[in-house]
Protein backbone atom coordinates (compact mmCIF):
# COMPACT_ATOMS: atom_id res chain seq x y z
CA MET A 1 58.82 3.49 31.65
CA GLN A 2 58.29 1.38 34.49
CA ILE A 3 60.40 1.33 37.47
CA ASN A 4 60.90 -1.42 40.12
CA GLU A 5 62.89 -1.58 42.98
CA THR A 6 64.30 -4.79 42.92
CA THR A 7 67.23 -4.65 46.13
CA ASN A 8 67.60 -2.43 49.26
CA GLU A 9 70.26 -3.73 51.38
CA GLY A 10 72.25 -1.10 53.19
CA LEU A 11 73.80 1.18 50.71
CA LYS A 12 72.87 -1.09 47.78
CA ARG A 13 70.04 -0.60 45.39
CA GLU A 14 69.12 -2.34 41.91
CA TYR A 15 66.42 -1.51 39.75
CA ARG A 16 64.73 -2.92 36.88
CA ILE A 17 63.44 -0.32 34.07
CA VAL A 18 61.63 -1.27 31.28
CA ILE A 19 61.04 1.06 28.57
CA PRO A 20 58.23 0.27 26.05
CA ALA A 21 59.34 -0.45 22.52
CA SER A 22 56.60 2.28 21.49
CA GLU A 23 58.43 4.83 23.36
CA ILE A 24 61.73 3.71 21.94
CA ASP A 25 59.93 3.69 18.52
CA ASP A 26 58.48 7.15 19.02
CA LYS A 27 61.77 8.68 19.33
CA ILE A 28 63.38 6.89 16.70
CA LYS A 29 60.40 8.49 14.42
CA ALA A 30 61.09 11.97 15.81
CA GLU A 31 64.79 11.58 15.19
CA VAL A 32 64.02 10.47 11.70
CA LYS A 33 61.96 13.55 11.43
CA ARG A 34 65.08 15.82 12.41
CA ILE A 35 67.49 14.55 10.58
CA ALA A 36 65.62 13.77 7.24
CA PRO A 37 65.88 17.55 5.82
CA GLN A 38 69.80 16.93 5.74
CA VAL A 39 69.82 13.48 4.37
CA ARG A 40 70.81 13.15 0.59
CA MET A 41 69.81 10.34 -1.60
CA PRO A 42 70.07 9.93 -5.22
CA GLY A 43 66.68 10.34 -7.38
CA PHE A 44 65.34 13.03 -4.36
CA ARG A 45 65.55 16.91 -3.72
CA PRO A 46 67.41 17.69 -0.71
CA GLY A 47 65.13 17.40 2.22
CA LYS A 48 62.45 15.35 0.03
CA VAL A 49 64.16 11.68 0.93
CA PRO A 50 60.84 9.62 2.48
CA ALA A 51 60.82 8.68 5.79
CA ASN A 52 60.73 5.38 5.69
CA LEU A 53 63.90 5.06 3.48
CA VAL A 54 65.64 7.19 5.96
CA ARG A 55 64.92 5.04 8.71
CA LYS A 56 65.93 1.83 6.17
CA MET A 57 69.49 3.80 5.42
CA HIS A 58 70.27 4.89 9.04
CA GLY A 59 67.64 2.69 11.21
CA GLU A 60 70.48 0.72 12.89
CA GLN A 61 72.32 3.78 13.87
CA LEU A 62 69.42 5.55 14.85
CA HIS A 63 68.14 2.59 16.81
CA ALA A 64 71.56 2.32 19.04
CA GLN A 65 71.48 6.44 19.68
CA VAL A 66 67.82 6.38 20.74
CA VAL A 67 68.65 3.23 23.13
CA ASN A 68 71.52 4.83 24.67
CA ASP A 69 70.11 8.20 24.95
CA THR A 70 66.98 6.60 26.51
CA ILE A 71 68.85 4.56 29.25
CA GLN A 72 70.94 7.35 30.06
CA SER A 73 67.54 9.71 30.46
CA SER A 74 66.03 7.02 32.62
CA VAL A 75 68.50 6.36 34.73
CA ASP A 76 68.92 10.09 35.55
CA GLU A 77 65.20 10.08 35.95
CA LEU A 78 65.51 7.04 38.31
CA ILE A 79 67.88 8.68 40.27
CA LYS A 80 66.02 12.27 40.22
CA ASP A 81 62.50 10.87 41.28
CA LYS A 82 63.85 8.39 44.07
CA GLY A 83 66.27 10.99 45.44
CA LEU A 84 69.06 8.66 45.53
CA ARG A 85 72.68 10.21 45.68
CA PRO A 86 75.04 7.87 43.66
CA ALA A 87 78.37 6.99 45.62
CA MET A 88 80.06 6.35 41.90
CA GLN A 89 78.74 5.65 38.55
CA PRO A 90 75.94 3.46 38.17
CA ALA A 91 76.23 -0.01 37.01
CA ILE A 92 73.66 -0.09 33.69
CA GLU A 93 73.07 -3.38 31.62
CA LEU A 94 70.65 -4.19 29.12
CA SER A 95 68.81 -7.31 29.11
CA GLU A 96 70.24 -10.02 26.82
CA GLY A 97 68.55 -10.92 24.03
CA TYR A 98 67.15 -7.32 23.42
CA GLU A 99 66.42 -6.33 19.92
CA GLU A 100 64.37 -3.71 17.98
CA GLY A 101 60.60 -3.99 18.37
CA LYS A 102 60.75 -5.14 22.02
CA ASP A 103 60.97 -3.34 25.59
CA ALA A 104 64.03 -2.80 26.38
CA GLU A 105 64.60 -4.08 29.80
CA ILE A 106 67.62 -2.52 32.20
CA ASP A 107 69.00 -3.48 35.32
CA VAL A 108 70.50 -0.61 37.14
CA LYS A 109 73.13 -1.55 40.34
CA LEU A 110 74.67 1.26 42.50
CA GLU A 111 75.63 2.11 46.02
CA VAL A 112 74.28 5.41 47.41
CA LEU A 113 75.91 7.49 49.89
CA PRO A 114 75.24 6.79 53.66
CA GLU A 115 73.57 9.33 55.57
CA ILE A 116 75.74 11.09 57.71
CA GLU A 117 75.09 13.61 60.87
CA ALA A 118 77.76 16.32 60.42
CA PRO A 119 79.46 16.46 63.46
CA GLU A 120 79.54 19.61 65.97
CA VAL A 121 82.66 21.49 64.97
CA ASP A 122 83.14 23.78 67.82
CA GLY A 123 85.30 22.21 70.64
CA LEU A 124 87.81 20.36 68.95
CA LYS A 125 91.30 20.43 70.31
CA LEU A 126 94.60 19.81 68.37
CA GLU A 127 98.18 20.58 69.29
CA ARG A 128 100.38 22.14 66.91
CA LEU A 129 103.99 21.08 67.50
CA VAL A 130 106.14 24.44 65.86
CA VAL A 131 110.00 23.68 65.35
CA PRO A 132 111.75 27.04 65.57
CA VAL A 133 114.64 27.67 63.08
CA ASP A 134 117.71 28.06 65.29
CA GLU A 135 120.86 29.59 63.66
CA SER A 136 123.04 26.24 64.24
CA ALA A 137 120.73 24.77 61.72
CA ILE A 138 120.80 27.38 59.35
CA GLU A 139 124.72 27.39 59.66
CA GLU A 140 124.90 23.58 59.71
CA THR A 141 122.92 24.15 55.90
CA LEU A 142 124.93 26.68 54.57
CA GLN A 143 128.08 24.72 55.08
CA ARG A 144 126.58 21.82 53.05
CA ILE A 145 125.64 24.21 50.37
CA ALA A 146 129.11 25.33 50.49
CA ASP A 147 130.30 22.01 50.31
CA GLN A 148 128.11 20.82 47.32
CA ASN A 149 129.66 23.73 45.84
CA LYS A 150 133.39 23.64 46.18
CA THR A 151 135.97 25.35 44.06
CA TYR A 152 139.46 23.91 43.03
CA LYS A 153 142.72 25.34 42.35
CA ASP A 154 145.56 24.30 40.49
CA ALA A 155 148.16 22.17 42.78
CA ALA A 156 151.69 22.10 42.14
CA LYS A 157 153.14 19.91 39.47
CA THR A 158 154.44 17.58 42.07
CA LYS A 159 151.06 17.29 44.09
CA LYS A 160 149.84 13.48 44.71
CA ALA A 161 146.14 13.47 44.40
CA ALA A 162 144.63 12.43 47.28
CA ASP A 163 141.03 11.97 48.48
CA GLY A 164 139.03 15.25 48.25
CA ASP A 165 141.58 16.49 45.32
CA GLN A 166 140.18 16.92 42.22
CA VAL A 167 141.70 15.79 38.92
CA ILE A 168 141.35 16.57 35.28
CA ILE A 169 141.88 13.79 32.77
CA ASP A 170 141.73 12.31 29.30
CA PHE A 171 140.61 8.63 29.33
CA VAL A 172 139.97 5.82 26.63
CA GLY A 173 137.63 2.80 27.61
CA SER A 174 138.33 -0.48 25.62
CA ILE A 175 137.05 -4.04 26.24
CA ASP A 176 139.33 -7.27 25.07
CA GLY A 177 141.44 -4.13 23.14
CA THR A 178 138.43 -2.86 21.49
CA GLU A 179 137.35 0.68 22.25
CA PHE A 180 133.80 1.22 22.87
CA GLU A 181 131.07 3.75 22.56
CA GLY A 182 130.78 6.36 24.74
CA GLY A 183 134.21 5.40 26.42
CA LYS A 184 136.20 8.31 25.95
CA ALA A 185 136.13 11.75 27.57
CA GLU A 186 138.44 14.89 27.79
CA ASP A 187 139.14 17.44 30.25
CA ALA A 188 137.21 15.32 32.58
CA PRO A 189 136.68 16.61 36.18
CA LEU A 190 136.48 13.73 38.89
CA VAL A 191 136.59 14.48 42.99
CA ILE A 192 138.60 11.27 44.50
CA GLY A 193 136.25 9.42 46.93
CA SER A 194 133.04 11.27 44.96
CA GLY A 195 132.12 7.81 44.48
CA THR A 196 130.59 9.12 41.16
CA PHE A 197 132.77 6.84 38.77
CA ILE A 198 132.47 3.12 38.54
CA PRO A 199 133.42 1.11 41.79
CA GLY A 200 137.53 0.87 41.46
CA PHE A 201 137.89 3.75 38.92
CA GLU A 202 138.75 6.23 41.61
CA GLU A 203 140.36 4.32 43.76
CA GLN A 204 143.10 3.79 41.41
CA LEU A 205 144.07 7.48 40.63
CA LYS A 206 145.00 7.92 44.44
CA GLY A 207 148.94 9.25 44.20
CA VAL A 208 148.56 10.41 40.68
CA LYS A 209 150.66 13.45 39.39
CA ALA A 210 149.69 15.76 36.45
CA GLY A 211 151.46 14.32 33.58
CA ASP A 212 150.66 10.94 34.37
CA GLU A 213 149.66 8.03 32.52
CA LYS A 214 148.08 5.17 33.82
CA THR A 215 145.67 2.35 32.84
CA VAL A 216 142.78 1.59 35.32
CA LYS A 217 141.17 -1.89 35.64
CA VAL A 218 137.72 -2.26 36.33
CA THR A 219 134.65 -4.28 36.14
CA PHE A 220 131.45 -2.79 35.65
CA PRO A 221 128.98 -3.69 37.88
CA GLU A 222 126.27 -6.70 37.03
CA GLU A 223 123.50 -4.37 37.18
CA TYR A 224 124.81 -1.64 34.93
CA GLN A 225 122.41 0.11 32.77
CA ALA A 226 124.21 0.02 29.68
CA ASP A 227 123.52 -4.10 28.64
CA HIS A 228 126.58 -4.27 26.61
CA LEU A 229 129.05 -3.36 29.36
CA ALA A 230 127.14 -5.04 32.49
CA GLY A 231 129.85 -7.49 34.42
CA LYS A 232 132.57 -6.63 31.65
CA ASP A 233 136.31 -6.16 32.75
CA ALA A 234 137.13 -3.12 30.89
CA GLU A 235 140.87 -1.09 30.73
CA PHE A 236 140.65 2.69 30.73
CA ALA A 237 144.09 4.55 29.29
CA VAL A 238 144.28 7.64 31.81
CA THR A 239 145.98 10.85 31.00
CA VAL A 240 146.51 13.29 34.27
CA LYS A 241 145.84 16.88 32.67
CA ALA A 242 146.16 18.75 36.29
CA VAL A 243 145.52 18.08 39.81
CA LYS A 244 143.74 20.63 42.12
CA THR A 245 143.09 21.08 45.57
CA PRO A 246 139.67 22.40 47.43
CA GLU A 247 139.50 26.12 48.20
CA ASP A 248 138.06 27.34 51.76
CA SER A 249 134.25 27.25 51.57
CA LYS A 250 133.76 30.81 52.49
CA ILE A 251 130.16 31.86 52.56
CA ASP A 252 130.04 35.56 51.59
CA ASP A 253 129.10 37.67 49.13
CA ASP A 254 131.02 36.16 46.31
CA PHE A 255 129.89 32.85 47.01
CA ALA A 256 126.35 33.98 47.03
CA LYS A 257 126.77 35.70 43.77
CA ASN A 258 127.84 32.42 42.32
CA LEU A 259 124.65 30.45 43.02
CA GLY A 260 122.88 33.59 41.67
CA LEU A 261 121.74 35.71 44.73
CA GLU A 262 122.77 39.25 45.54
CA SER A 263 124.27 38.57 48.62
CA ALA A 264 125.50 36.01 51.84
CA ASP A 265 122.49 37.88 53.96
CA LYS A 266 119.98 37.28 50.76
CA LEU A 267 121.16 33.29 50.79
CA ARG A 268 121.00 33.09 54.44
CA GLU A 269 117.34 34.67 54.25
CA LEU A 270 116.21 32.16 51.56
CA VAL A 271 117.42 29.01 53.61
CA LYS A 272 115.90 30.27 56.78
CA ALA A 273 112.39 30.99 54.42
CA GLN A 274 112.81 27.14 52.88
CA MET A 275 113.44 25.53 56.46
CA GLU A 276 110.49 27.37 58.14
CA GLN A 277 108.39 26.60 55.01
CA GLU A 278 109.45 22.88 55.25
CA THR A 279 108.82 22.44 58.78
CA ALA A 280 105.55 24.26 58.45
CA GLY A 281 104.43 21.41 56.05
CA LEU A 282 105.31 18.60 58.54
CA THR A 283 103.57 21.08 61.37
CA ARG A 284 100.67 20.70 58.83
CA THR A 285 100.78 17.25 57.94
CA GLN A 286 101.22 16.47 62.12
CA MET A 287 97.83 18.75 62.97
CA LYS A 288 96.05 17.04 59.81
CA ARG A 289 96.78 13.56 60.96
CA GLN A 290 95.38 14.33 64.18
CA LEU A 291 92.45 16.23 63.36
CA LEU A 292 91.63 12.59 61.34
CA ASP A 293 92.34 10.29 63.99
CA THR A 294 89.94 12.74 66.15
CA LEU A 295 87.23 12.20 63.43
CA ALA A 296 87.88 8.63 63.07
CA ALA A 297 87.47 7.74 66.69
CA GLY A 298 83.78 9.44 66.73
CA HIS A 299 82.39 8.10 63.58
CA ASP A 300 81.71 4.50 62.37
CA PHE A 301 78.94 4.41 59.56
CA PRO A 302 78.64 2.02 56.57
CA VAL A 303 80.73 2.99 53.55
CA PRO A 304 79.90 2.05 49.76
CA GLU A 305 81.96 -0.87 48.86
CA ARG A 306 83.16 0.19 45.68
CA MET A 307 84.57 3.42 46.66
CA VAL A 308 86.77 1.31 49.39
CA GLU A 309 87.57 -0.83 46.35
CA ALA A 310 88.57 1.96 44.50
CA GLU A 311 90.55 3.28 47.26
CA PHE A 312 92.60 0.01 47.84
CA GLU A 313 93.41 -0.67 44.38
CA GLN A 314 95.27 2.66 44.43
CA ILE A 315 96.55 1.68 47.66
CA TRP A 316 97.85 -1.52 46.39
CA ALA A 317 99.21 -0.10 43.06
CA GLN A 318 101.58 2.56 44.99
CA LEU A 319 102.33 -0.92 47.47
CA SER A 320 103.27 -2.61 44.62
CA GLN A 321 105.44 -0.01 42.90
CA GLU A 322 107.30 0.58 46.57
CA ALA A 323 108.16 -2.71 46.54
CA GLN A 324 109.55 -3.16 43.27
CA ARG A 325 112.25 -0.42 44.36
CA GLU A 326 113.44 -2.64 47.47
CA GLU A 327 116.46 -4.89 47.41
CA ASP A 328 114.21 -8.20 46.79
CA PRO A 329 111.19 -7.22 45.42
CA GLU A 330 109.24 -10.52 45.92
CA ALA A 331 110.01 -10.67 49.60
CA ALA A 332 108.55 -7.06 50.11
CA MET A 333 105.50 -8.47 47.62
CA LYS A 334 105.01 -11.35 49.95
CA GLU A 335 105.28 -9.36 52.98
CA ILE A 336 102.44 -7.18 51.51
CA GLU A 337 100.27 -9.69 50.21
CA SER A 338 100.14 -11.00 54.07
CA GLU A 339 98.57 -7.90 55.13
CA ARG A 340 95.98 -7.38 52.51
CA ASP A 341 93.18 -7.39 54.78
CA ASP A 342 94.64 -4.76 56.77
CA TYR A 343 94.91 -2.41 53.76
CA ARG A 344 91.46 -2.84 52.50
CA ARG A 345 90.37 -1.85 56.26
CA ILE A 346 92.85 1.08 56.00
CA ALA A 347 91.15 1.90 52.50
CA GLU A 348 88.02 1.86 54.31
CA ARG A 349 88.84 4.02 56.62
CA ARG A 350 90.05 6.84 54.27
CA VAL A 351 86.64 6.21 52.24
CA ARG A 352 84.78 6.99 55.58
CA LEU A 353 86.74 10.24 56.32
CA GLY A 354 86.66 11.44 53.06
CA LEU A 355 82.55 11.21 53.41
CA LEU A 356 82.66 12.42 56.82
CA LEU A 357 85.10 15.70 55.73
CA SER A 358 82.86 16.32 53.06
CA GLU A 359 79.61 16.22 54.79
CA ILE A 360 81.12 18.87 56.79
CA GLY A 361 82.33 20.87 54.23
CA GLN A 362 78.58 20.95 52.83
CA ALA A 363 77.08 21.55 56.35
CA ASN A 364 79.39 24.56 56.50
CA GLU A 365 79.19 26.20 53.08
CA VAL A 366 82.97 25.31 52.49
CA GLN A 367 83.28 25.74 48.63
CA ILE A 368 85.65 25.74 45.62
CA SER A 369 85.35 28.78 43.63
CA GLY A 370 85.44 28.60 39.85
CA GLN A 371 88.77 30.41 39.43
CA GLU A 372 90.01 27.54 41.85
CA MET A 373 88.58 25.01 39.89
CA SER A 374 89.86 26.38 36.67
CA MET A 375 93.48 26.56 38.04
CA LEU A 376 92.72 22.83 38.79
CA MET A 377 92.00 21.96 35.59
CA GLN A 378 95.07 23.89 34.03
CA GLN A 379 97.32 22.13 36.25
CA ALA A 380 96.13 18.82 35.61
CA ALA A 381 96.13 19.48 31.74
CA GLN A 382 99.88 19.84 31.86
CA GLN A 383 100.68 16.29 32.25
CA TYR A 384 99.32 15.78 28.81
CA ARG A 385 100.69 16.56 25.56
CA ALA A 386 99.93 19.90 24.27
CA GLU A 387 97.49 18.71 21.46
CA ASP A 388 95.53 16.39 23.99
CA ARG A 389 95.04 19.26 26.89
CA GLU A 390 92.07 20.62 25.43
CA ARG A 391 90.31 17.09 25.10
CA PHE A 392 91.22 16.98 28.67
CA MET A 393 89.46 19.99 29.72
CA GLN A 394 86.59 19.20 27.82
CA PHE A 395 85.99 15.95 29.09
CA ILE A 396 86.40 17.24 32.84
CA GLN A 397 83.60 19.95 32.14
CA ASN A 398 81.49 17.09 30.73
CA ASP A 399 81.89 14.56 32.99
CA PRO A 400 80.76 15.45 36.69
CA MET A 401 82.57 12.37 38.40
CA ALA A 402 85.80 13.18 36.97
CA ALA A 403 85.39 16.87 37.87
CA ALA A 404 84.51 16.02 41.67
CA GLN A 405 87.63 13.64 41.40
CA LEU A 406 89.57 16.22 40.43
CA ARG A 407 88.36 18.95 43.00
CA ALA A 408 88.00 16.65 45.86
CA PRO A 409 91.59 16.89 47.21
CA LEU A 410 91.43 20.53 47.27
CA TYR A 411 88.18 20.41 48.81
CA GLU A 412 89.46 18.29 51.56
CA ASP A 413 92.28 20.78 52.37
CA LYS A 414 89.86 23.67 52.40
CA VAL A 415 87.85 21.78 54.62
CA VAL A 416 90.69 20.84 56.93
CA ASP A 417 91.79 24.27 57.00
CA PHE A 418 88.33 25.23 58.03
CA LEU A 419 88.17 22.67 60.84
CA PHE A 420 91.74 24.34 61.68
CA GLU A 421 90.24 27.82 62.18
CA LYS A 422 87.04 26.62 64.76
CA ALA A 423 89.71 24.40 66.78
CA GLU A 424 91.46 25.27 69.95
CA VAL A 425 95.12 24.96 69.10
CA GLU A 426 97.84 24.76 71.51
CA GLU A 427 101.14 25.22 70.36
CA ARG A 428 104.03 23.48 71.82
CA GLU A 429 107.93 23.82 70.91
CA VAL A 430 109.94 20.64 70.07
CA THR A 431 113.03 20.07 68.28
CA ARG A 432 112.49 18.55 64.29
CA GLU A 433 113.23 15.12 65.57
CA GLU A 434 110.57 15.04 67.94
CA LEU A 435 108.02 16.29 65.10
CA GLU A 436 109.19 13.83 62.44
CA ALA A 437 108.77 11.40 65.57
CA ALA A 438 105.30 12.51 66.06
CA ILE A 439 104.10 12.42 62.69
CA GLU A 440 105.86 8.79 61.92
CA ALA A 441 103.65 7.93 65.34
CA GLU A 442 100.85 9.02 63.92
CA GLU A 443 101.31 7.09 60.66
CA SER A 444 100.86 4.36 62.24
CA THR A 445 97.35 4.72 63.67
CA GLU A 446 95.97 4.62 60.51
CA ALA A 447 97.15 0.82 60.33
CA GLU A 448 96.49 0.27 63.70
CA ALA A 449 92.70 1.56 63.78
CA ALA A 450 92.19 -0.40 61.29
CA LYS A 451 93.67 -3.84 62.76
CA ALA A 452 92.19 -3.26 65.94
CA LYS A 453 88.71 -4.56 64.17
CA LYS A 454 90.57 -7.97 64.17
CA ALA A 455 92.79 -7.36 67.33
CA PRO A 456 95.96 -9.08 65.38
CA ALA A 457 99.05 -10.51 67.57
CA LYS A 458 101.20 -8.05 65.93
CA LYS A 459 101.30 -4.27 65.74
CA ALA A 460 100.54 -2.07 62.81
CA ALA A 461 103.30 -3.07 60.10
CA ALA A 462 105.66 -0.14 61.00
CA LYS A 463 108.31 -2.57 60.21
CA LYS A 464 107.45 -2.61 56.24
CA ALA A 465 109.25 0.24 54.58
CA PRO A 466 107.34 0.22 51.55
CA ALA A 467 103.99 -0.36 52.49
CA LYS A 468 104.23 2.14 54.97
CA LYS A 469 105.42 4.50 52.43
CA ALA A 470 102.69 3.65 49.81
CA ALA A 471 99.61 3.18 52.75
CA ALA A 472 100.78 6.01 54.81
CA LYS A 473 102.42 8.14 52.85
CA SER A 474 99.56 10.73 52.72
CA ASP A 475 96.48 10.22 55.30
CA ASP A 476 94.51 12.46 52.74
CA ALA A 477 90.82 11.06 53.18
CA SER A 478 90.45 11.73 49.38
CA ASP A 479 93.15 10.07 47.75
CA ASP A 480 90.44 7.65 46.51
CA LYS A 481 88.69 10.64 44.27
CA LYS A 482 92.27 11.63 42.39
CA PRO A 483 91.89 11.28 38.84
CA ALA A 484 94.05 8.63 37.41
CA ALA A 485 95.98 10.86 35.43
CA LYS A 486 97.53 12.20 38.67
CA LYS A 487 99.06 8.80 39.53
CA ALA A 488 101.13 8.82 36.23
CA PRO A 489 104.29 10.14 37.33
CA ALA A 490 104.60 7.82 40.00
CA LYS A 491 105.99 5.36 37.03
CA LYS A 492 108.75 7.40 36.79
CA ALA A 493 110.22 6.40 40.35
CA PRO A 494 113.66 5.11 39.29
CA ALA A 495 114.82 8.52 38.27
CA LYS A 496 118.12 7.60 39.77
CA LYS A 497 119.18 6.19 36.77
CA ALA A 498 121.92 8.14 34.76
CA THR A 499 120.88 7.77 31.66
CA ALA A 500 119.99 11.40 31.25
CA SER A 501 121.81 12.93 34.26
CA THR A 502 123.85 15.12 31.52
CA ALA A 503 121.77 15.60 28.67
CA LYS A 504 122.44 19.16 27.15
CA ASP A 505 123.87 18.06 23.88
CA GLY A 506 121.56 15.24 23.34
CA GLU A 507 124.41 12.55 24.51
CA THR A 508 123.27 10.01 27.23
CA LYS A 509 126.43 7.46 27.69
CA LYS A 510 130.07 8.16 28.88
CA ALA A 511 132.40 6.00 30.45
CA PRO A 512 133.26 6.68 33.87
CA ALA A 513 130.96 9.61 34.03
CA LYS A 514 129.53 11.62 36.88
CA LYS A 515 126.31 9.90 38.85
CA ALA A 516 124.17 13.06 38.56
CA PRO A 517 121.54 12.80 41.23
CA ALA A 518 124.21 12.09 43.64
CA LYS A 519 125.85 15.21 43.13
CA LYS A 520 123.32 17.52 42.56
CA ALA A 521 121.89 17.59 45.90
CA ALA A 522 121.69 21.50 45.98
CA ALA A 523 118.46 21.16 43.51
CA SER A 524 117.08 17.78 44.76
CA THR A 525 116.09 18.45 48.27
CA ALA A 526 114.20 21.78 49.57
CA LYS A 527 116.19 21.17 52.98
CA ASP A 528 119.13 22.12 52.24
CA GLY A 529 117.75 25.30 50.95
CA GLU A 530 119.76 25.33 47.82
CA ALA A 531 117.81 27.20 44.81
CA LYS A 532 118.48 29.07 42.12
CA LYS A 533 121.79 28.07 40.41
CA ALA A 534 123.46 25.88 42.79
CA PRO A 535 123.50 22.66 40.37
CA ALA A 536 124.84 25.25 37.72
CA LYS A 537 128.27 24.95 39.60
CA LYS A 538 128.55 21.55 38.93
CA ALA A 539 129.47 22.12 35.27
CA PRO A 540 130.41 18.40 33.98
CA ALA A 541 133.19 18.76 31.42
CA LYS A 542 135.04 21.54 29.28
CA LYS A 543 134.54 19.73 26.22
CA PRO A 544 131.18 18.08 24.29
CA ALA A 545 133.21 15.04 24.18
CA ALA A 546 133.35 14.74 28.03
CA LYS A 547 129.30 14.18 27.74
CA LYS A 548 128.70 10.72 26.68
CA PRO A 549 128.06 8.98 30.15
CA ALA A 550 128.57 5.00 29.11
CA ALA A 551 130.24 4.35 32.22
CA LYS A 552 128.09 6.18 34.21
CA LYS A 553 127.22 4.57 37.74
CA ASP A 554 123.99 3.24 38.19
């Protein structure tokens, strides 16, 4: 094998490897000899097929296999002999026109990791902003939980329904006098003013009493999820079964037990713990960004272009997804496009920080244990179908690059924790609003630092909601190393749709049915502290017939 270096510029390396035809032929002969005992051919005893016939039968396949194996082993040998540290998988190309009997010429292109001097980690100074959880915040959260889990009592027969009251109704929907599928329900609960039914429906039930019958006329929204109903005028024949008024929300032991907890004290403890956990997470985010800004300010070295491109592609994909959720996706994309170069510089910054943190970790013997890696693999495998999980595990085990991508985020966090321990940390108590403002200010630092190189006339894109969410959502330097599989869930973002919000019985369409995501706030946000069975208190309807949400508000 002959190796010639053809390019050595910065981090780029290119080589031409020449593998003599004789070497390939010798390996094919060895492979023929190895498989000959297993070859079966009419007229020959098992294991007695002549080598020339074995080669004639399987020569093309054997040649392709040997060439591929030889190329791979040659590249591995090249990397080892030259002491290279590839940033990503090398690009390997077999010269055009190669055929059996000729020397194989292979072009290998790669970028190497830069030589980075691990920085001194002693003497780092950081500020930790802490938010003490006060009683008023706990009480506010408890009250919010109580408001979201109200109970209702029967009102007098003469009571007229008003905002905040609950009505129990039967309804049948029709368009042009024809009942439509999913437009019928019995004993459906509806809180007047909740905004859970399609626009205009609830307002027309103000003033009704138990026993009243009323025709409600509405127009389905143009963007309604059921295409056959979108924009259509409809009528609902409504029978009011009962009017109920909300009971006072008392946060006592009985209320806590209805949520699946032992007592009001346990509920209070849970709320406090969740609030502390959330603010601790915000504090860590603030400290980490502060640390990364400090590291970035003190280090500037070349980074592999392919790593930057891979990181940029992930940022861009996320930006594009965010833009599609905006009111005007086309305008959002146009604004993002105008700052494409800025996001490429952000990608460069992130790659540089990732390499720097990796160097710090290696220099200080930060490691991921086998048990931690096993847990990472098992968690990642859960994203796949059961029958594909074993194959995914084998892929990670056999592909060092894939394993490195999976390991990178955890390794980065361990290095960050190591630096936190080494740093001189000064604590300062702030309000939650001040902490969030500090994080928002630090979010723009990444973009500001990237744009500073070209001295733009405008500030970093703090004005741009979708861009900011995607590019500054996380300042994790190892975002570029996360496996593609972990990005899949992001595509499910339009979970706001009400198509499967009450699908216990398999039915997914119902006329003016409830908008589950809006009402189940008890389970949708950690800051509210509503754990356990809070959503269970929102039983949609008393009878299965009420579970067909065709007229759900999107």
